[in-house]
C-alpha atoms as a PDB file:
ATOM      1  CA  MET A   1     -66.717  85.260 179.043  1.00  0.00           C
ATOM      2  CA  PRO A   2     -68.646  83.225 181.686  1.00  0.00           C
ATOM      3  CA  ALA A   3     -66.739  81.068 184.143  1.00  0.00           C
ATOM      4  CA  ALA A   4     -66.458  77.404 183.266  1.00  0.00           C
ATOM      5  CA  LYS A   5     -68.638  75.001 185.214  1.00  0.00           C
ATOM      6  CA  PRO A   6     -66.611  72.979 187.710  1.00  0.00           C
ATOM      7  CA  LYS A   7     -65.999  69.389 186.632  1.00  0.00           C
ATOM      8  CA  TYR A   8     -66.671  68.026 190.117  1.00  0.00           C
ATOM      9  CA  MET A   9     -69.913  68.868 191.878  1.00  0.00           C
ATOM     10  CA  PRO A  10     -70.133  67.367 195.379  1.00  0.00           C
ATOM     11  CA  ASN A  11     -73.441  66.211 196.784  1.00  0.00           C
ATOM     12  CA  PRO A  12     -74.815  69.018 198.900  1.00  0.00           C
ATOM     13  CA  ARG A  13     -74.383  68.537 202.617  1.00  0.00           C
ATOM     14  CA  GLY A  14     -77.021  71.137 203.395  1.00  0.00           C
ATOM     15  CA  TRP A  15     -80.527  70.036 202.467  1.00  0.00           C
ATOM     16  CA  THR A  16     -83.663  72.071 201.893  1.00  0.00           C
ATOM     17  CA  LEU A  17     -86.929  71.205 203.604  1.00  0.00           C
ATOM     18  CA  VAL A  18     -88.084  69.579 200.341  1.00  0.00           C
ATOM     19  CA  GLN A  19     -84.975  67.388 200.245  1.00  0.00           C
ATOM     20  CA  VAL A  20     -85.383  66.403 203.898  1.00  0.00           C
ATOM     21  CA  ALA A  21     -89.029  65.442 203.326  1.00  0.00           C
ATOM     22  CA  ALA A  22     -88.005  63.261 200.394  1.00  0.00           C
ATOM     23  CA  ARG A  23     -85.173  61.678 202.382  1.00  0.00           C
ATOM     24  CA  ILE A  24     -87.404  60.640 205.276  1.00  0.00           C
ATOM     25  CA  GLY A  25     -90.176  59.524 202.930  1.00  0.00           C
ATOM     26  CA  MET A  26     -92.813  62.025 203.992  1.00  0.00           C
ATOM     27  CA  SER A  27     -94.664  64.776 202.161  1.00  0.00           C
ATOM     28  CA  LEU A  28     -93.520  68.357 202.462  1.00  0.00           C
ATOM     29  CA  SER A  29     -96.804  69.359 204.099  1.00  0.00           C
ATOM     30  CA  TRP A  30     -96.503  66.538 206.671  1.00  0.00           C
ATOM     31  CA  LEU A  31     -92.958  67.561 207.530  1.00  0.00           C
ATOM     32  CA  ALA A  32     -93.898  71.228 207.814  1.00  0.00           C
ATOM     33  CA  ASP A  33     -96.756  70.321 210.165  1.00  0.00           C
ATOM     34  CA  ASN A  34     -94.632  68.012 212.330  1.00  0.00           C
ATOM     35  CA  LEU A  35     -91.125  69.480 212.204  1.00  0.00           C
ATOM     36  CA  GLU A  36     -91.280  71.468 215.432  1.00  0.00           C
ATOM     37  CA  LYS A  37     -92.653  68.519 217.400  1.00  0.00           C
ATOM     38  CA  MET A  38     -90.038  66.177 215.894  1.00  0.00           C
ATOM     39  CA  GLN A  39     -87.293  68.570 216.958  1.00  0.00           C
ATOM     40  CA  ARG A  40     -88.702  69.158 220.418  1.00  0.00           C
ATOM     41  CA  GLU A  41     -89.716  65.616 221.330  1.00  0.00           C
ATOM     42  CA  HIS A  42     -87.514  63.383 219.189  1.00  0.00           C
ATOM     43  CA  GLY A  43     -84.282  65.318 218.667  1.00  0.00           C
ATOM     44  CA  PHE A  44     -84.666  65.889 214.944  1.00  0.00           C
ATOM     45  CA  PRO A  45     -81.847  68.120 213.620  1.00  0.00           C
ATOM     46  CA  LYS A  46     -82.444  71.847 213.346  1.00  0.00           C
ATOM     47  CA  GLN A  47     -81.659  74.036 210.382  1.00  0.00           C
ATOM     48  CA  ASN A  48     -78.352  75.857 210.230  1.00  0.00           C
ATOM     49  CA  PRO A  49     -79.211  79.475 211.137  1.00  0.00           C
ATOM     50  CA  VAL A  50     -76.767  80.861 208.541  1.00  0.00           C
ATOM     51  CA  THR A  51     -77.639  78.730 205.508  1.00  0.00           C
ATOM     52  CA  ASN A  52     -81.185  77.799 206.534  1.00  0.00           C
ATOM     53  CA  ARG A  53     -80.352  74.231 205.466  1.00  0.00           C
ATOM     54  CA  PHE A  54     -80.433  70.916 207.315  1.00  0.00           C
ATOM     55  CA  ASN A  55     -77.249  68.904 207.755  1.00  0.00           C
ATOM     56  CA  GLY A  56     -77.847  65.836 205.603  1.00  0.00           C
ATOM     57  CA  ARG A  57     -75.557  63.659 207.687  1.00  0.00           C
ATOM     58  CA  ALA A  58     -77.422  64.643 210.849  1.00  0.00           C
ATOM     59  CA  VAL A  59     -80.763  63.766 209.229  1.00  0.00           C
ATOM     60  CA  ASP A  60     -79.410  60.362 208.172  1.00  0.00           C
ATOM     61  CA  ALA A  61     -77.983  59.764 211.666  1.00  0.00           C
ATOM     62  CA  TRP A  62     -81.364  60.655 213.187  1.00  0.00           C
ATOM     63  CA  MET A  63     -83.106  58.148 210.912  1.00  0.00           C
ATOM     64  CA  ASP A  64     -80.481  55.481 211.669  1.00  0.00           C
ATOM     65  CA  SER A  65     -81.014  55.966 215.392  1.00  0.00           C
ATOM     66  CA  PHE A  66     -84.419  54.288 215.073  1.00  0.00           C
ATOM     67  CA  GLU A  67     -83.126  51.104 213.444  1.00  0.00           C
ATOM     68  CA  PRO A  68     -82.114  49.303 216.681  1.00  0.00           C
ATOM     69  CA  LEU A  69     -85.618  49.911 218.013  1.00  0.00           C
ATOM     70  CA  LEU A  70     -87.197  48.481 214.878  1.00  0.00           C
ATOM     71  CA  ALA A  71     -84.932  45.440 214.908  1.00  0.00           C
ATOM     72  CA  LYS A  72     -85.773  44.746 218.555  1.00  0.00           C
ATOM     73  CA  ALA A  73     -89.506  45.140 217.873  1.00  0.00           C
ATOM     74  CA  ARG A  74     -89.310  42.660 215.000  1.00  0.00           C
ATOM     75  CA  THR A  75     -87.580  39.977 217.067  1.00  0.00           C
ATOM     76  CA  SER A  76     -89.554  40.452 220.278  1.00  0.00           C
ATOM     77  CA  SER A  77     -93.008  40.562 218.710  1.00  0.00           C
ATOM     78  CA  PRO A  78     -93.895  37.536 216.581  1.00  0.00           C
ATOM     79  CA  ASP A  79     -97.422  38.901 216.224  1.00  0.00           C
ATOM     80  CA  LEU A  80     -95.978  41.813 214.257  1.00  0.00           C
ATOM     81  CA  SER A  81     -94.878  39.524 211.423  1.00  0.00           C
ATOM     82  CA  LYS A  82     -98.273  37.779 211.421  1.00  0.00           C
ATOM     83  CA  ALA A  83    -100.048  41.117 211.184  1.00  0.00           C
ATOM     84  CA  SER A  84     -97.686  42.207 208.406  1.00  0.00           C
ATOM     85  CA  ASN A  85     -98.455  39.038 206.458  1.00  0.00           C
ATOM     86  CA  ARG A  86    -102.199  39.579 206.873  1.00  0.00           C
ATOM     87  CA  VAL A  87    -101.880  43.123 205.500  1.00  0.00           C
ATOM     88  CA  LYS A  88     -99.847  41.876 202.523  1.00  0.00           C
ATOM     89  CA  GLU A  89    -102.437  39.169 201.820  1.00  0.00           C
ATOM     90  CA  HIS A  90    -105.266  41.661 202.019  1.00  0.00           C
ATOM     91  CA  PHE A  91    -103.720  44.050 199.519  1.00  0.00           C
ATOM     92  CA  SER A  92    -102.548  41.286 197.167  1.00  0.00           C
ATOM     93  CA  GLY A  93    -106.086  39.943 196.900  1.00  0.00           C
ATOM     94  CA  ALA A  94    -105.245  36.566 198.476  1.00  0.00           C
ATOM     95  CA  ALA A  95    -107.667  37.196 201.327  1.00  0.00           C
ATOM     96  CA  ARG A  96    -110.575  37.697 198.897  1.00  0.00           C
ATOM     97  CA  ALA A  97    -110.633  34.131 197.616  1.00  0.00           C
END
């Protein structure tokens, strides 16, 4: 008789390369091409050598570490919001009137 499936299944803490790519919003091929550079130059988390998985919390913390920089860029560069609005107008068709 097979063992019963556990009633509680926790979210995995160790993520595959595919899961990491999805989490950071990039394609698997992009991540594979840029992973080494991200680790070397930007401190991206490395895979666990035993499980060959990435620590999901470490990936999230790495992504969160960029938020203060983005917030500062938004407040210190008013031209950034103007450029963003122009891009939105262009793709919405408003600029083609």
